[in-house]
Amino acid sequence: MAEFKHISGLKELSAKLKAMPEDLRKKTLKPAVGAGAKVVRDEARILAPKYEGITARGHAPAGTLKKSIIIPNGPMSGTVSTLSCPPTR
């Protein structure tokens, strides 16, 4: 399980980033955020369970969950998407 710690100074950081020219923000922040997102995606794929049993007709094949963990390649919307799965038995 991940360990969360308190991070201070986010409001100040956000204000400084918003003060940067937009073209500079896109050139510097997008690759940095993308690199961080790749680390999170790769770890999520490692931790995602893979069903090893027989799948019922109409259900997705085993390994579909791992393949569905992606980094969206669209415009930056500022929203966060989450994926939740029921606990395994």
C-alpha atoms as a PDB file:
ATOM      1  CA  MET A   1       0.000   0.000   0.000  1.00  0.00           C
ATOM      2  CA  ALA A   2       1.261   3.483  -0.782  1.00  0.00           C
ATOM      3  CA  GLU A   3       2.392   5.712   2.051  1.00  0.00           C
ATOM      4  CA  PHE A   4       1.108   9.267   1.823  1.00  0.00           C
ATOM      5  CA  LYS A   5       2.887  12.224   3.359  1.00  0.00           C
ATOM      6  CA  HIS A   6       1.846  15.829   3.721  1.00  0.00           C
ATOM      7  CA  ILE A   7       3.192  18.093   0.977  1.00  0.00           C
ATOM      8  CA  SER A   8       3.326  21.801   1.710  1.00  0.00           C
ATOM      9  CA  GLY A   9       3.747  24.696  -0.711  1.00  0.00           C
ATOM     10  CA  LEU A  10       1.440  23.438  -3.453  1.00  0.00           C
ATOM     11  CA  LYS A  11      -0.531  26.700  -3.612  1.00  0.00           C
ATOM     12  CA  GLU A  12       2.674  28.692  -4.037  1.00  0.00           C
ATOM     13  CA  LEU A  13       3.975  26.260  -6.670  1.00  0.00           C
ATOM     14  CA  SER A  14       0.683  26.438  -8.568  1.00  0.00           C
ATOM     15  CA  ALA A  15       0.785  30.240  -8.554  1.00  0.00           C
ATOM     16  CA  LYS A  16       4.364  30.287  -9.881  1.00  0.00           C
ATOM     17  CA  LEU A  17       3.532  27.782 -12.616  1.00  0.00           C
ATOM     18  CA  LYS A  18       0.496  29.807 -13.685  1.00  0.00           C
ATOM     19  CA  ALA A  19       2.712  32.908 -13.878  1.00  0.00           C
ATOM     20  CA  MET A  20       4.918  31.216 -16.504  1.00  0.00           C
ATOM     21  CA  PRO A  21       4.233  31.995 -20.168  1.00  0.00           C
ATOM     22  CA  GLU A  22       1.845  29.404 -21.638  1.00  0.00           C
ATOM     23  CA  ASP A  23       4.212  28.167 -24.347  1.00  0.00           C
ATOM     24  CA  LEU A  24       6.951  27.601 -21.762  1.00  0.00           C
ATOM     25  CA  ARG A  25       4.519  25.751 -19.503  1.00  0.00           C
ATOM     26  CA  LYS A  26       3.516  23.419 -22.336  1.00  0.00           C
ATOM     27  CA  LYS A  27       7.125  22.776 -23.350  1.00  0.00           C
ATOM     28  CA  THR A  28       8.337  22.032 -19.826  1.00  0.00           C
ATOM     29  CA  LEU A  29       5.396  20.772 -17.807  1.00  0.00           C
ATOM     30  CA  LYS A  30       3.826  18.381 -20.294  1.00  0.00           C
ATOM     31  CA  PRO A  31       6.967  16.200 -20.658  1.00  0.00           C
ATOM     32  CA  ALA A  32       7.555  16.263 -16.896  1.00  0.00           C
ATOM     33  CA  VAL A  33       3.990  15.274 -16.079  1.00  0.00           C
ATOM     34  CA  GLY A  34       4.118  12.619 -18.801  1.00  0.00           C
ATOM     35  CA  ALA A  35       7.270  11.106 -17.303  1.00  0.00           C
ATOM     36  CA  GLY A  36       5.632  10.960 -13.880  1.00  0.00           C
ATOM     37  CA  ALA A  37       2.469   9.486 -15.351  1.00  0.00           C
ATOM     38  CA  LYS A  38       4.493   6.701 -17.013  1.00  0.00           C
ATOM     39  CA  VAL A  39       5.956   5.710 -13.642  1.00  0.00           C
ATOM     40  CA  VAL A  40       2.479   5.577 -12.077  1.00  0.00           C
ATOM     41  CA  ARG A  41       1.036   3.678 -15.081  1.00  0.00           C
ATOM     42  CA  ASP A  42       3.814   1.089 -15.041  1.00  0.00           C
ATOM     43  CA  GLU A  43       3.458   0.475 -11.296  1.00  0.00           C
ATOM     44  CA  ALA A  44      -0.338   0.217 -11.597  1.00  0.00           C
ATOM     45  CA  ARG A  45       0.072  -2.386 -14.347  1.00  0.00           C
ATOM     46  CA  ILE A  46       2.439  -4.391 -12.150  1.00  0.00           C
ATOM     47  CA  LEU A  47       0.012  -4.292  -9.220  1.00  0.00           C
ATOM     48  CA  ALA A  48      -3.141  -4.991 -11.258  1.00  0.00           C
ATOM     49  CA  PRO A  49      -4.450  -8.498 -10.680  1.00  0.00           C
ATOM     50  CA  LYS A  50      -4.689 -10.889 -13.606  1.00  0.00           C
ATOM     51  CA  TYR A  51      -7.514 -13.403 -13.606  1.00  0.00           C
ATOM     52  CA  GLU A  52      -6.141 -16.881 -14.215  1.00  0.00           C
ATOM     53  CA  GLY A  53      -9.394 -18.851 -14.373  1.00  0.00           C
ATOM     54  CA  ILE A  54     -11.780 -19.562 -17.209  1.00  0.00           C
ATOM     55  CA  THR A  55     -13.709 -16.482 -18.326  1.00  0.00           C
ATOM     56  CA  ALA A  56     -17.414 -16.703 -18.967  1.00  0.00           C
ATOM     57  CA  ARG A  57     -18.798 -16.010 -22.418  1.00  0.00           C
ATOM     58  CA  GLY A  58     -19.253 -12.269 -22.938  1.00  0.00           C
ATOM     59  CA  HIS A  59     -16.600 -11.268 -20.406  1.00  0.00           C
ATOM     60  CA  ALA A  60     -13.335  -9.574 -21.285  1.00  0.00           C
ATOM     61  CA  PRO A  61     -10.324 -11.890 -21.580  1.00  0.00           C
ATOM     62  CA  ALA A  62      -7.754 -12.178 -18.804  1.00  0.00           C
ATOM     63  CA  GLY A  63      -5.208  -9.350 -18.811  1.00  0.00           C
ATOM     64  CA  THR A  64      -7.679  -6.730 -20.017  1.00  0.00           C
ATOM     65  CA  LEU A  65      -7.370  -4.683 -16.815  1.00  0.00           C
ATOM     66  CA  LYS A  66      -3.595  -4.317 -17.181  1.00  0.00           C
ATOM     67  CA  LYS A  67      -3.937  -3.264 -20.809  1.00  0.00           C
ATOM     68  CA  SER A  68      -6.635  -0.724 -19.965  1.00  0.00           C
ATOM     69  CA  ILE A  69      -4.362   1.296 -17.648  1.00  0.00           C
ATOM     70  CA  ILE A  70      -3.230   4.028 -20.028  1.00  0.00           C
ATOM     71  CA  ILE A  71      -2.099   7.628 -20.142  1.00  0.00           C
ATOM     72  CA  PRO A  72      -4.714   9.644 -22.059  1.00  0.00           C
ATOM     73  CA  ASN A  73      -3.176  11.573 -24.932  1.00  0.00           C
ATOM     74  CA  GLY A  74      -5.685  14.406 -25.130  1.00  0.00           C
ATOM     75  CA  PRO A  75      -5.787  18.051 -24.169  1.00  0.00           C
ATOM     76  CA  MET A  76      -4.913  18.856 -20.585  1.00  0.00           C
ATOM     77  CA  SER A  77      -8.232  19.220 -18.811  1.00  0.00           C
ATOM     78  CA  GLY A  78      -7.108  19.506 -15.214  1.00  0.00           C
ATOM     79  CA  THR A  79      -9.354  16.632 -14.155  1.00  0.00           C
ATOM     80  CA  VAL A  80      -8.372  13.415 -12.475  1.00  0.00           C
ATOM     81  CA  SER A  81      -9.821  10.075 -13.515  1.00  0.00           C
ATOM     82  CA  THR A  82      -9.985   7.110 -11.176  1.00  0.00           C
ATOM     83  CA  LEU A  83     -10.498   3.417 -11.679  1.00  0.00           C
ATOM     84  CA  SER A  84     -11.789   1.225  -8.911  1.00  0.00           C
ATOM     85  CA  CYS A  85     -12.182  -2.512  -8.882  1.00  0.00           C
ATOM     86  CA  PRO A  86     -14.106  -4.736  -6.506  1.00  0.00           C
ATOM     87  CA  PRO A  87     -11.890  -6.755  -4.149  1.00  0.00           C
ATOM     88  CA  THR A  88     -10.942 -10.246  -5.316  1.00  0.00           C
ATOM     89  CA  ARG A  89     -12.279 -13.227  -3.416  1.00  0.00           C
END
